[in-house]
């Protein structure tokens, strides 16, 4: 019934940034199935293999970067994101979680388990509408 939160100090934001593990489909992964991408990104960012996708959010969600971050985030290549969200049940032990997995660039500094109701209050303001929709889509999983 908890959610894995990851944290990274992001210079453009000027403070710590809490997120849910997420990743990209595009550039070198163009044409990749979103479900496959979700599993790949979870493993690349956290080393977690012991997880099973149990739900898919009903739609795609969008956010735009605030003006002061356009041209700074993502090497200036993007102005925002369109995201597809999946929920996965973690079947392993906490010791499996490794934010510096071999062969991948470390993206996050720390992690912790949190209640679903904590998420939206800790996300940077420009991502809140997306996270509100994601929590709504997966709320039914919170007590499972």
Protein backbone atom coordinates (compact mmCIF):
# COMPACT_ATOMS: atom_id res chain seq x y z
CA UNK A 1 0.00 0.00 0.00
CA UNK A 2 3.01 2.34 -0.23
CA UNK A 3 4.63 4.13 -3.14
CA UNK A 4 8.34 4.30 -3.96
CA UNK A 5 9.49 7.92 -4.03
CA UNK A 6 12.89 8.89 -5.37
CA UNK A 7 14.71 12.15 -4.78
CA UNK A 8 17.31 14.04 -6.74
CA UNK A 9 18.86 17.41 -6.18
CA UNK A 10 18.12 19.31 -9.36
CA UNK A 11 20.08 22.47 -9.91
CA UNK A 12 17.51 24.21 -12.21
CA UNK A 13 14.82 23.81 -9.53
CA UNK A 14 17.18 24.93 -6.78
CA UNK A 15 15.90 22.37 -4.29
CA UNK A 16 15.33 18.70 -3.75
CA UNK A 17 12.81 17.14 -6.09
CA UNK A 18 10.64 14.17 -5.10
CA UNK A 19 9.32 12.00 -7.93
CA UNK A 20 8.01 8.57 -8.75
CA UNK A 21 10.39 6.53 -10.92
CA UNK A 22 9.64 7.35 -14.55
CA UNK A 23 11.38 7.35 -17.89
CA UNK A 24 11.43 8.21 -21.54
CA UNK A 25 10.21 6.71 -24.74
CA UNK A 26 11.84 8.55 -27.59
CA UNK A 27 15.12 9.21 -29.33
CA UNK A 28 16.90 5.83 -29.13
CA UNK A 29 13.77 4.08 -27.78
CA UNK A 30 11.30 5.37 -30.38
CA UNK A 31 8.66 2.77 -31.14
CA UNK A 32 9.13 1.06 -27.77
CA UNK A 33 5.94 -0.24 -26.17
CA UNK A 34 5.02 1.92 -23.12
CA UNK A 35 4.62 -1.17 -20.90
CA UNK A 36 8.08 -2.42 -21.86
CA UNK A 37 9.50 1.06 -21.32
CA UNK A 38 8.02 1.18 -17.81
CA UNK A 39 9.79 -2.03 -16.81
CA UNK A 40 13.05 -0.98 -18.46
CA UNK A 41 13.07 2.43 -16.80
CA UNK A 42 12.20 1.02 -13.38
CA UNK A 43 15.17 -1.32 -13.64
CA UNK A 44 17.52 1.35 -15.02
CA UNK A 45 16.66 3.85 -12.28
CA UNK A 46 16.27 1.56 -9.27
CA UNK A 47 17.71 -1.88 -10.26
CA UNK A 48 14.29 -3.36 -9.38
CA UNK A 49 13.48 -6.50 -11.34
CA UNK A 50 11.13 -8.06 -8.79
CA UNK A 51 8.07 -6.09 -9.82
CA UNK A 52 4.87 -6.88 -11.67
CA UNK A 53 2.81 -4.30 -13.55
CA UNK A 54 -0.67 -4.40 -12.00
CA UNK A 55 -2.43 -1.37 -13.46
CA UNK A 56 -2.29 1.17 -16.26
CA UNK A 57 -3.59 4.72 -15.95
CA UNK A 58 -6.44 5.33 -18.39
CA UNK A 59 -4.87 8.16 -20.37
CA UNK A 60 -1.77 10.12 -21.23
CA UNK A 61 -0.94 13.10 -19.00
CA UNK A 62 0.85 16.32 -19.97
CA UNK A 63 2.75 19.05 -18.23
CA UNK A 64 4.74 22.04 -19.43
CA UNK A 65 7.88 23.34 -17.80
CA UNK A 66 7.62 26.76 -16.17
CA UNK A 67 9.15 29.51 -18.30
CA UNK A 68 12.28 29.81 -16.14
CA UNK A 69 13.19 26.14 -16.85
CA UNK A 70 12.61 26.11 -20.60
CA UNK A 71 16.00 25.79 -22.26
CA UNK A 72 17.64 24.56 -19.04
CA UNK A 73 16.01 21.20 -18.32
CA UNK A 74 16.61 18.24 -20.64
CA UNK A 75 19.45 20.10 -22.36
CA UNK A 76 16.90 22.58 -23.70
CA UNK A 77 15.39 19.98 -26.02
CA UNK A 78 11.87 19.80 -24.57
CA UNK A 79 9.28 22.21 -23.14
CA UNK A 80 7.34 19.56 -21.21
CA UNK A 81 6.32 15.93 -21.23
CA UNK A 82 3.46 13.65 -22.16
CA UNK A 83 3.43 10.65 -19.83
CA UNK A 84 1.85 7.21 -19.62
CA UNK A 85 1.72 5.79 -16.10
CA UNK A 86 1.76 2.21 -14.81
CA UNK A 87 1.59 0.86 -11.27
CA UNK A 88 3.83 -2.04 -10.32
CA UNK A 89 3.73 -4.26 -7.26
CA UNK A 90 7.19 -4.66 -5.74
CA UNK A 91 7.77 -8.33 -4.96
CA UNK A 92 11.35 -8.12 -3.71
CA UNK A 93 13.19 -6.97 -0.61
CA UNK A 94 14.20 -3.37 0.02
CA UNK A 95 17.85 -4.40 -0.41
CA UNK A 96 17.14 -4.90 -4.14
CA UNK A 97 16.61 -1.15 -4.61
CA UNK A 98 19.83 0.40 -5.89
CA UNK A 99 19.83 3.95 -7.22
CA UNK A 100 23.27 3.45 -8.79
CA UNK A 101 22.76 0.28 -10.83
CA UNK A 102 25.78 -0.91 -12.82
CA UNK A 103 25.78 0.24 -16.44
CA UNK A 104 23.36 3.14 -15.94
CA UNK A 105 23.78 6.79 -15.03
CA UNK A 106 22.56 7.45 -11.49
CA UNK A 107 19.57 9.78 -11.59
CA UNK A 108 18.50 9.84 -7.94
CA UNK A 109 20.19 10.31 -4.59
CA UNK A 110 17.77 8.66 -2.16
CA UNK A 111 14.49 6.79 -1.94
CA UNK A 112 11.78 5.98 0.56
CA UNK A 113 8.35 4.41 0.82
CA UNK A 114 5.46 6.85 1.26
CA UNK A 115 1.71 6.75 1.54
CA UNK A 116 -0.21 7.60 -1.60
CA UNK A 117 -1.73 10.64 0.10
CA UNK A 118 1.74 12.13 0.68
CA UNK A 119 2.76 12.26 -2.98
CA UNK A 120 0.95 15.30 -4.37
CA UNK A 121 2.07 17.57 -1.52
CA UNK A 122 5.73 16.84 -2.20
CA UNK A 123 5.84 17.26 -6.00
CA UNK A 124 7.08 20.45 -7.63
CA UNK A 125 4.08 22.69 -8.41
CA UNK A 126 4.19 22.41 -12.20
CA UNK A 127 3.85 18.59 -12.00
CA UNK A 128 1.05 18.54 -9.40
CA UNK A 129 -1.88 18.30 -11.87
CA UNK A 130 -0.33 15.17 -13.42
CA UNK A 131 0.40 13.57 -10.07
CA UNK A 132 -3.14 14.32 -8.89
CA UNK A 133 -4.47 12.41 -11.90
CA UNK A 134 -2.04 9.53 -11.33
CA UNK A 135 -3.01 9.23 -7.66
CA UNK A 136 -6.68 9.28 -8.64
CA UNK A 137 -6.10 6.54 -11.24
CA UNK A 138 -4.27 4.30 -8.77
CA UNK A 139 -5.99 5.19 -5.48
CA UNK A 140 -7.80 1.84 -5.50
CA UNK A 141 -4.40 0.11 -5.18
CA UNK A 142 -3.34 2.05 -2.07
CA UNK A 143 -4.71 -0.39 0.47
CA UNK A 144 -3.81 -3.56 -1.44
